[in-house]
Amino acid sequence: MDPDAIARRARRHGWTVQFSADPGVVLLRRAWRLEITFVGNVPSVARIMGSERDAGRPVNLRSINTLIRARPDEIAQRAAEATLGEPAARTEDAGP
């Protein structure tokens, strides 16, 4: 999803949107700050911060939409889920 599309969606869900020079989008909602950096029109890095003292945690890029759509009271839970990383890969027994 390109920066403009993310910005439109974020505004619909109550986020304040700022564009940064590096190219990226900064989304603000209450005490939360979601920074998304792009390569072209593709998100490459996302970090979420819960306070000014929080250095930020990397976010699984597939979780960006979930975070944007979250209600204010859900953001902490969604952020915790998004920063845990990819679910463990399923292993299958190859057999003897």
N, C-alpha and C. Protein backbone atom coordinates (compact mmCIF):
# COMPACT_ATOMS: atom_id res chain seq x y z
N MET A 1 0.84 -1.17 0.00
CA MET A 1 0.00 0.00 0.00
C MET A 1 0.89 1.24 0.00
N ASP A 2 0.63 2.18 -0.86
CA ASP A 2 1.47 3.37 -1.00
C ASP A 2 1.20 4.37 0.13
N PRO A 3 2.09 5.34 0.32
CA PRO A 3 1.96 6.30 1.42
C PRO A 3 0.63 7.06 1.42
N ASP A 4 0.15 7.47 0.25
CA ASP A 4 -1.10 8.21 0.20
C ASP A 4 -2.29 7.35 0.62
N ALA A 5 -2.30 6.10 0.21
CA ALA A 5 -3.38 5.20 0.59
C ALA A 5 -3.37 4.94 2.10
N ILE A 6 -2.18 4.76 2.66
CA ILE A 6 -2.08 4.57 4.11
C ILE A 6 -2.56 5.83 4.82
N ALA A 7 -2.18 6.99 4.33
CA ALA A 7 -2.60 8.25 4.95
C ALA A 7 -4.12 8.40 4.92
N ARG A 8 -4.74 8.10 3.78
CA ARG A 8 -6.21 8.19 3.68
C ARG A 8 -6.89 7.25 4.66
N ARG A 9 -6.42 6.01 4.72
CA ARG A 9 -7.01 5.04 5.63
C ARG A 9 -6.82 5.48 7.08
N ALA A 10 -5.63 5.95 7.40
CA ALA A 10 -5.34 6.38 8.78
C ALA A 10 -6.25 7.54 9.19
N ARG A 11 -6.44 8.50 8.31
CA ARG A 11 -7.33 9.63 8.63
C ARG A 11 -8.76 9.15 8.88
N ARG A 12 -9.22 8.20 8.08
CA ARG A 12 -10.58 7.66 8.27
C ARG A 12 -10.74 7.02 9.64
N HIS A 13 -9.65 6.50 10.18
CA HIS A 13 -9.70 5.81 11.47
C HIS A 13 -9.22 6.68 12.64
N GLY A 14 -9.09 7.98 12.42
CA GLY A 14 -8.82 8.89 13.52
C GLY A 14 -7.37 9.22 13.81
N TRP A 15 -6.45 8.82 12.94
CA TRP A 15 -5.03 9.14 13.14
C TRP A 15 -4.73 10.51 12.54
N THR A 16 -3.78 11.22 13.14
CA THR A 16 -3.23 12.44 12.55
C THR A 16 -2.05 11.99 11.68
N VAL A 17 -1.96 12.52 10.48
CA VAL A 17 -0.95 12.07 9.51
C VAL A 17 0.07 13.18 9.26
N GLN A 18 1.34 12.80 9.30
CA GLN A 18 2.43 13.69 8.92
C GLN A 18 3.30 12.95 7.91
N PHE A 19 3.77 13.66 6.91
CA PHE A 19 4.69 13.06 5.95
C PHE A 19 6.10 13.50 6.33
N SER A 20 7.03 12.54 6.35
CA SER A 20 8.41 12.87 6.68
C SER A 20 9.24 12.89 5.41
N ALA A 21 10.44 13.43 5.50
CA ALA A 21 11.28 13.63 4.32
C ALA A 21 12.04 12.39 3.89
N ASP A 22 11.99 11.33 4.65
CA ASP A 22 12.93 10.22 4.40
C ASP A 22 12.42 9.03 3.61
N PRO A 23 11.67 8.92 2.72
CA PRO A 23 10.25 9.17 2.58
C PRO A 23 9.47 8.28 3.54
N GLY A 24 8.53 8.85 4.18
CA GLY A 24 7.76 8.07 5.13
C GLY A 24 6.52 8.80 5.60
N VAL A 25 5.76 8.07 6.41
CA VAL A 25 4.53 8.58 6.98
C VAL A 25 4.61 8.38 8.49
N VAL A 26 4.19 9.39 9.23
CA VAL A 26 4.12 9.29 10.68
C VAL A 26 2.65 9.42 11.06
N LEU A 27 2.14 8.42 11.77
CA LEU A 27 0.75 8.43 12.21
C LEU A 27 0.71 8.64 13.72
N LEU A 28 -0.13 9.55 14.17
CA LEU A 28 -0.22 9.88 15.59
C LEU A 28 -1.66 9.70 16.06
N ARG A 29 -1.79 9.04 17.21
CA ARG A 29 -3.12 8.87 17.80
C ARG A 29 -2.95 8.72 19.30
N ARG A 30 -3.46 9.68 20.03
CA ARG A 30 -3.28 9.75 21.48
C ARG A 30 -1.79 9.67 21.79
N ALA A 31 -1.35 8.73 22.59
CA ALA A 31 0.08 8.63 22.95
C ALA A 31 0.87 7.79 21.96
N TRP A 32 0.23 7.29 20.91
CA TRP A 32 0.87 6.36 19.99
C TRP A 32 1.44 7.07 18.78
N ARG A 33 2.57 6.57 18.31
CA ARG A 33 3.24 7.08 17.11
C ARG A 33 3.65 5.87 16.28
N LEU A 34 3.15 5.79 15.06
CA LEU A 34 3.49 4.72 14.13
C LEU A 34 4.24 5.35 12.97
N GLU A 35 5.51 4.97 12.80
CA GLU A 35 6.34 5.50 11.73
C GLU A 35 6.51 4.43 10.67
N ILE A 36 6.24 4.79 9.42
CA ILE A 36 6.36 3.84 8.32
C ILE A 36 7.28 4.45 7.27
N THR A 37 8.34 3.73 6.92
CA THR A 37 9.29 4.18 5.90
C THR A 37 9.03 3.35 4.64
N PHE A 38 9.17 3.98 3.50
CA PHE A 38 8.87 3.35 2.22
C PHE A 38 10.09 3.30 1.32
N VAL A 39 10.13 2.29 0.46
CA VAL A 39 11.04 2.23 -0.68
C VAL A 39 10.10 2.25 -1.88
N GLY A 40 10.10 3.36 -2.60
CA GLY A 40 9.11 3.53 -3.65
C GLY A 40 7.74 3.66 -2.99
N ASN A 41 6.81 2.82 -3.39
CA ASN A 41 5.47 2.82 -2.81
C ASN A 41 5.23 1.64 -1.89
N VAL A 42 6.31 0.99 -1.46
CA VAL A 42 6.18 -0.22 -0.64
C VAL A 42 6.74 0.04 0.75
N PRO A 43 5.95 -0.25 1.81
CA PRO A 43 6.49 -0.10 3.16
C PRO A 43 7.71 -1.00 3.35
N SER A 44 8.77 -0.44 3.94
CA SER A 44 9.97 -1.24 4.16
C SER A 44 10.27 -1.43 5.64
N VAL A 45 9.95 -0.44 6.46
CA VAL A 45 10.19 -0.52 7.90
C VAL A 45 9.05 0.20 8.60
N ALA A 46 8.58 -0.38 9.70
CA ALA A 46 7.57 0.28 10.52
C ALA A 46 7.97 0.12 11.98
N ARG A 47 7.77 1.18 12.75
CA ARG A 47 8.07 1.18 14.18
C ARG A 47 6.91 1.83 14.91
N ILE A 48 6.60 1.32 16.10
CA ILE A 48 5.55 1.92 16.91
C ILE A 48 6.13 2.34 18.26
N MET A 49 5.70 3.50 18.71
CA MET A 49 6.13 4.03 20.00
C MET A 49 4.90 4.38 20.81
N GLY A 50 4.95 4.07 22.10
CA GLY A 50 3.81 4.34 22.97
C GLY A 50 3.97 5.57 23.82
N SER A 51 5.15 6.15 23.87
CA SER A 51 5.38 7.37 24.63
C SER A 51 6.64 8.05 24.09
N GLU A 52 6.89 9.25 24.56
CA GLU A 52 8.08 9.97 24.09
C GLU A 52 9.37 9.27 24.50
N ARG A 53 9.35 8.56 25.63
CA ARG A 53 10.56 7.87 26.10
C ARG A 53 10.75 6.52 25.41
N ASP A 54 9.74 6.03 24.77
CA ASP A 54 9.79 4.74 24.09
C ASP A 54 10.61 4.88 22.81
N ALA A 55 11.68 4.10 22.68
CA ALA A 55 12.54 4.17 21.49
C ALA A 55 11.86 3.57 20.27
N GLY A 56 10.80 2.84 20.47
CA GLY A 56 10.07 2.24 19.36
C GLY A 56 10.41 0.78 19.18
N ARG A 57 9.43 0.06 18.71
CA ARG A 57 9.61 -1.37 18.44
C ARG A 57 9.28 -1.64 16.99
N PRO A 58 10.04 -2.52 16.34
CA PRO A 58 9.72 -2.85 14.95
C PRO A 58 8.37 -3.55 14.86
N VAL A 59 7.66 -3.25 13.80
CA VAL A 59 6.33 -3.80 13.58
C VAL A 59 6.36 -4.71 12.36
N ASN A 60 5.71 -5.85 12.47
CA ASN A 60 5.52 -6.73 11.32
C ASN A 60 4.74 -5.93 10.28
N LEU A 61 5.26 -5.80 9.07
CA LEU A 61 4.63 -4.97 8.05
C LEU A 61 3.21 -5.42 7.72
N ARG A 62 2.92 -6.68 7.88
CA ARG A 62 1.57 -7.18 7.62
C ARG A 62 0.57 -6.70 8.66
N SER A 63 1.05 -6.13 9.75
CA SER A 63 0.18 -5.67 10.84
C SER A 63 -0.17 -4.19 10.75
N ILE A 64 0.35 -3.48 9.77
CA ILE A 64 0.10 -2.04 9.67
C ILE A 64 -1.39 -1.75 9.60
N ASN A 65 -2.12 -2.42 8.73
CA ASN A 65 -3.56 -2.16 8.59
C ASN A 65 -4.32 -2.47 9.87
N THR A 66 -3.93 -3.53 10.56
CA THR A 66 -4.58 -3.88 11.83
C THR A 66 -4.38 -2.77 12.85
N LEU A 67 -3.17 -2.24 12.92
CA LEU A 67 -2.91 -1.14 13.85
C LEU A 67 -3.70 0.11 13.47
N ILE A 68 -3.76 0.41 12.20
CA ILE A 68 -4.49 1.60 11.75
C ILE A 68 -5.97 1.48 12.07
N ARG A 69 -6.55 0.31 11.89
CA ARG A 69 -7.99 0.11 12.12
C ARG A 69 -8.36 -0.04 13.58
N ALA A 70 -7.38 -0.25 14.46
CA ALA A 70 -7.66 -0.50 15.87
C ALA A 70 -8.30 0.72 16.54
N ARG A 71 -9.26 0.43 17.43
CA ARG A 71 -9.83 1.50 18.26
C ARG A 71 -8.76 1.95 19.24
N PRO A 72 -8.86 3.17 19.76
CA PRO A 72 -7.84 3.65 20.71
C PRO A 72 -7.58 2.70 21.88
N ASP A 73 -8.64 2.06 22.38
CA ASP A 73 -8.46 1.15 23.52
C ASP A 73 -7.87 -0.19 23.10
N GLU A 74 -7.72 -0.44 21.81
CA GLU A 74 -7.15 -1.70 21.32
C GLU A 74 -5.70 -1.56 20.85
N ILE A 75 -5.21 -0.35 20.71
CA ILE A 75 -3.90 -0.15 20.09
C ILE A 75 -2.79 -0.86 20.86
N ALA A 76 -2.81 -0.79 22.19
CA ALA A 76 -1.75 -1.45 22.97
C ALA A 76 -1.72 -2.94 22.70
N GLN A 77 -2.88 -3.59 22.66
CA GLN A 77 -2.94 -5.03 22.39
C GLN A 77 -2.47 -5.33 20.97
N ARG A 78 -2.95 -4.57 20.00
CA ARG A 78 -2.56 -4.79 18.60
C ARG A 78 -1.06 -4.53 18.41
N ALA A 79 -0.51 -3.54 19.11
CA ALA A 79 0.92 -3.25 19.01
C ALA A 79 1.73 -4.41 19.57
N ALA A 80 1.28 -4.98 20.69
CA ALA A 80 1.99 -6.12 21.28
C ALA A 80 1.98 -7.30 20.31
N GLU A 81 0.85 -7.55 19.67
CA GLU A 81 0.75 -8.64 18.70
C GLU A 81 1.63 -8.37 17.48
N ALA A 82 1.66 -7.13 17.02
CA ALA A 82 2.40 -6.77 15.81
C ALA A 82 3.90 -6.82 16.02
N THR A 83 4.37 -6.62 17.25
CA THR A 83 5.81 -6.60 17.49
C THR A 83 6.35 -7.95 17.89
N LEU A 84 5.51 -8.94 18.02
CA LEU A 84 5.98 -10.28 18.36
C LEU A 84 6.62 -10.97 17.17
N GLY A 85 6.41 -10.45 16.00
CA GLY A 85 7.02 -11.06 14.81
C GLY A 85 6.09 -12.07 14.16
N GLU A 86 6.64 -12.73 13.18
CA GLU A 86 5.88 -13.73 12.44
C GLU A 86 5.56 -14.92 13.35
N PRO A 87 4.41 -15.54 13.16
CA PRO A 87 4.13 -16.75 13.93
C PRO A 87 5.14 -17.84 13.58
N ALA A 88 5.34 -18.73 14.50
CA ALA A 88 6.29 -19.82 14.27
C ALA A 88 5.89 -20.60 13.03
N ALA A 89 6.87 -20.96 12.24
CA ALA A 89 6.61 -21.73 11.03
C ALA A 89 6.12 -23.12 11.40
N ARG A 90 5.17 -23.62 10.64
CA ARG A 90 4.65 -24.96 10.88
C ARG A 90 5.63 -25.96 10.31
N THR A 91 5.98 -26.92 11.12
CA THR A 91 6.88 -27.96 10.63
C THR A 91 6.08 -29.22 10.39
N GLU A 92 6.44 -29.91 9.37
CA GLU A 92 5.76 -31.15 9.05
C GLU A 92 6.75 -32.28 9.14
N ASP A 93 6.30 -33.37 9.65
CA ASP A 93 7.14 -34.55 9.78
C ASP A 93 7.36 -35.14 8.39
N ALA A 94 8.61 -35.16 7.97
CA ALA A 94 8.93 -35.68 6.64
C ALA A 94 8.84 -37.20 6.60
N GLY A 95 8.80 -37.79 7.78
CA GLY A 95 8.71 -39.25 7.82
C GLY A 95 10.06 -39.90 7.62
N PRO A 96 10.11 -41.22 7.77
CA PRO A 96 11.39 -41.93 7.64
C PRO A 96 11.89 -42.00 6.22
